[in-house]
């Protein structure tokens, strides 16, 4: 099967983007509770994200956000 140059570039871009996922651990400093998410939005001093373990939308004004490995993300979201 022969691919055109354009199709090869599209396939290459898809492979590169798939390997660039980011994972975050968001910790509430007051309670010490840790949440895991793939996307954190910042707006007016607050952060918003979807908790990967429960699917809940979470908004926090005080938090510690750290980028984590996919292995830690998987451990933190395992049920």
C-alpha atoms as a PDB file:
ATOM      1  CA  UNK A   1       0.000   0.000   0.000  1.00  0.00           C
ATOM      2  CA  UNK A   2       1.469   3.324  -1.046  1.00  0.00           C
ATOM      3  CA  UNK A   3       0.684   6.474   0.911  1.00  0.00           C
ATOM      4  CA  UNK A   4       0.907   9.983  -0.458  1.00  0.00           C
ATOM      5  CA  UNK A   5       3.195  12.483   1.242  1.00  0.00           C
ATOM      6  CA  UNK A   6       0.196  14.295   2.741  1.00  0.00           C
ATOM      7  CA  UNK A   7      -1.224  11.098   4.228  1.00  0.00           C
ATOM      8  CA  UNK A   8       2.180  10.208   5.660  1.00  0.00           C
ATOM      9  CA  UNK A   9       2.409  13.612   7.347  1.00  0.00           C
ATOM     10  CA  UNK A  10      -1.087  13.249   8.801  1.00  0.00           C
ATOM     11  CA  UNK A  11      -0.257   9.811  10.203  1.00  0.00           C
ATOM     12  CA  UNK A  12       3.028  11.095  11.654  1.00  0.00           C
ATOM     13  CA  UNK A  13       1.287  14.075  13.288  1.00  0.00           C
ATOM     14  CA  UNK A  14      -1.357  11.787  14.831  1.00  0.00           C
ATOM     15  CA  UNK A  15       1.324   9.496  16.273  1.00  0.00           C
ATOM     16  CA  UNK A  16       3.273  12.420  17.741  1.00  0.00           C
ATOM     17  CA  UNK A  17       0.197  14.023  19.299  1.00  0.00           C
ATOM     18  CA  UNK A  18      -0.937  10.746  20.833  1.00  0.00           C
ATOM     19  CA  UNK A  19       2.359  10.506  22.694  1.00  0.00           C
ATOM     20  CA  UNK A  20       2.085  14.032  24.113  1.00  0.00           C
ATOM     21  CA  UNK A  21      -0.737  13.583  26.621  1.00  0.00           C
ATOM     22  CA  UNK A  22      -0.346  15.462  29.893  1.00  0.00           C
ATOM     23  CA  UNK A  23      -1.522  14.231  33.257  1.00  0.00           C
ATOM     24  CA  UNK A  24      -1.876  16.271  36.439  1.00  0.00           C
ATOM     25  CA  UNK A  25      -2.300  15.681  40.150  1.00  0.00           C
ATOM     26  CA  UNK A  26      -4.242  18.521  41.765  1.00  0.00           C
ATOM     27  CA  UNK A  27      -4.019  18.615  45.546  1.00  0.00           C
ATOM     28  CA  UNK A  28      -6.268  20.590  47.882  1.00  0.00           C
ATOM     29  CA  UNK A  29      -3.791  21.935  50.469  1.00  0.00           C
ATOM     30  CA  UNK A  30      -6.513  22.268  53.118  1.00  0.00           C
ATOM     31  CA  UNK A  31      -7.696  18.667  53.075  1.00  0.00           C
ATOM     32  CA  UNK A  32      -4.736  16.992  51.378  1.00  0.00           C
ATOM     33  CA  UNK A  33      -7.093  15.283  48.917  1.00  0.00           C
ATOM     34  CA  UNK A  34      -5.526  14.562  45.530  1.00  0.00           C
ATOM     35  CA  UNK A  35      -7.390  14.589  42.225  1.00  0.00           C
ATOM     36  CA  UNK A  36      -6.112  13.403  38.842  1.00  0.00           C
ATOM     37  CA  UNK A  37      -6.966  15.024  35.527  1.00  0.00           C
ATOM     38  CA  UNK A  38      -5.759  15.434  31.964  1.00  0.00           C
ATOM     39  CA  UNK A  39      -6.643  19.111  31.618  1.00  0.00           C
ATOM     40  CA  UNK A  40      -6.532  22.066  33.994  1.00  0.00           C
ATOM     41  CA  UNK A  41      -8.124  25.417  33.137  1.00  0.00           C
ATOM     42  CA  UNK A  42      -7.107  28.575  34.992  1.00  0.00           C
ATOM     43  CA  UNK A  43      -9.451  31.561  35.217  1.00  0.00           C
ATOM     44  CA  UNK A  44      -9.460  34.536  37.591  1.00  0.00           C
ATOM     45  CA  UNK A  45      -7.350  32.849  40.251  1.00  0.00           C
ATOM     46  CA  UNK A  46      -9.304  29.592  40.250  1.00  0.00           C
ATOM     47  CA  UNK A  47      -8.681  26.298  38.520  1.00  0.00           C
ATOM     48  CA  UNK A  48     -11.287  24.044  36.976  1.00  0.00           C
ATOM     49  CA  UNK A  49     -10.935  20.441  35.913  1.00  0.00           C
ATOM     50  CA  UNK A  50     -12.787  17.135  35.591  1.00  0.00           C
ATOM     51  CA  UNK A  51     -11.741  14.535  38.156  1.00  0.00           C
ATOM     52  CA  UNK A  52     -10.683  11.467  36.156  1.00  0.00           C
ATOM     53  CA  UNK A  53     -11.697   9.017  38.905  1.00  0.00           C
ATOM     54  CA  UNK A  54     -15.266  10.265  39.442  1.00  0.00           C
ATOM     55  CA  UNK A  55     -16.039  12.440  36.426  1.00  0.00           C
ATOM     56  CA  UNK A  56     -16.995  15.324  38.728  1.00  0.00           C
ATOM     57  CA  UNK A  57     -16.356  18.918  37.677  1.00  0.00           C
ATOM     58  CA  UNK A  58     -14.119  20.511  40.326  1.00  0.00           C
ATOM     59  CA  UNK A  59     -13.375  24.210  40.933  1.00  0.00           C
ATOM     60  CA  UNK A  60     -10.722  25.252  43.452  1.00  0.00           C
ATOM     61  CA  UNK A  61      -9.323  28.597  44.554  1.00  0.00           C
ATOM     62  CA  UNK A  62      -6.342  27.118  46.388  1.00  0.00           C
ATOM     63  CA  UNK A  63      -4.474  24.151  44.955  1.00  0.00           C
ATOM     64  CA  UNK A  64      -1.146  22.568  44.121  1.00  0.00           C
ATOM     65  CA  UNK A  65      -0.898  21.358  40.511  1.00  0.00           C
ATOM     66  CA  UNK A  66       1.866  18.974  39.443  1.00  0.00           C
ATOM     67  CA  UNK A  67       2.378  17.237  36.115  1.00  0.00           C
ATOM     68  CA  UNK A  68       2.697  13.482  36.691  1.00  0.00           C
ATOM     69  CA  UNK A  69       3.648  10.423  34.648  1.00  0.00           C
ATOM     70  CA  UNK A  70       1.055   8.243  32.951  1.00  0.00           C
ATOM     71  CA  UNK A  71       1.901   5.480  35.446  1.00  0.00           C
ATOM     72  CA  UNK A  72       1.108   7.688  38.452  1.00  0.00           C
ATOM     73  CA  UNK A  73      -2.066   8.886  36.714  1.00  0.00           C
ATOM     74  CA  UNK A  74      -3.200   5.286  36.175  1.00  0.00           C
ATOM     75  CA  UNK A  75      -2.484   4.391  39.831  1.00  0.00           C
ATOM     76  CA  UNK A  76      -4.314   7.473  41.073  1.00  0.00           C
ATOM     77  CA  UNK A  77      -7.406   6.799  38.983  1.00  0.00           C
ATOM     78  CA  UNK A  78      -7.591   3.013  39.503  1.00  0.00           C
ATOM     79  CA  UNK A  79     -10.788   1.867  41.161  1.00  0.00           C
END
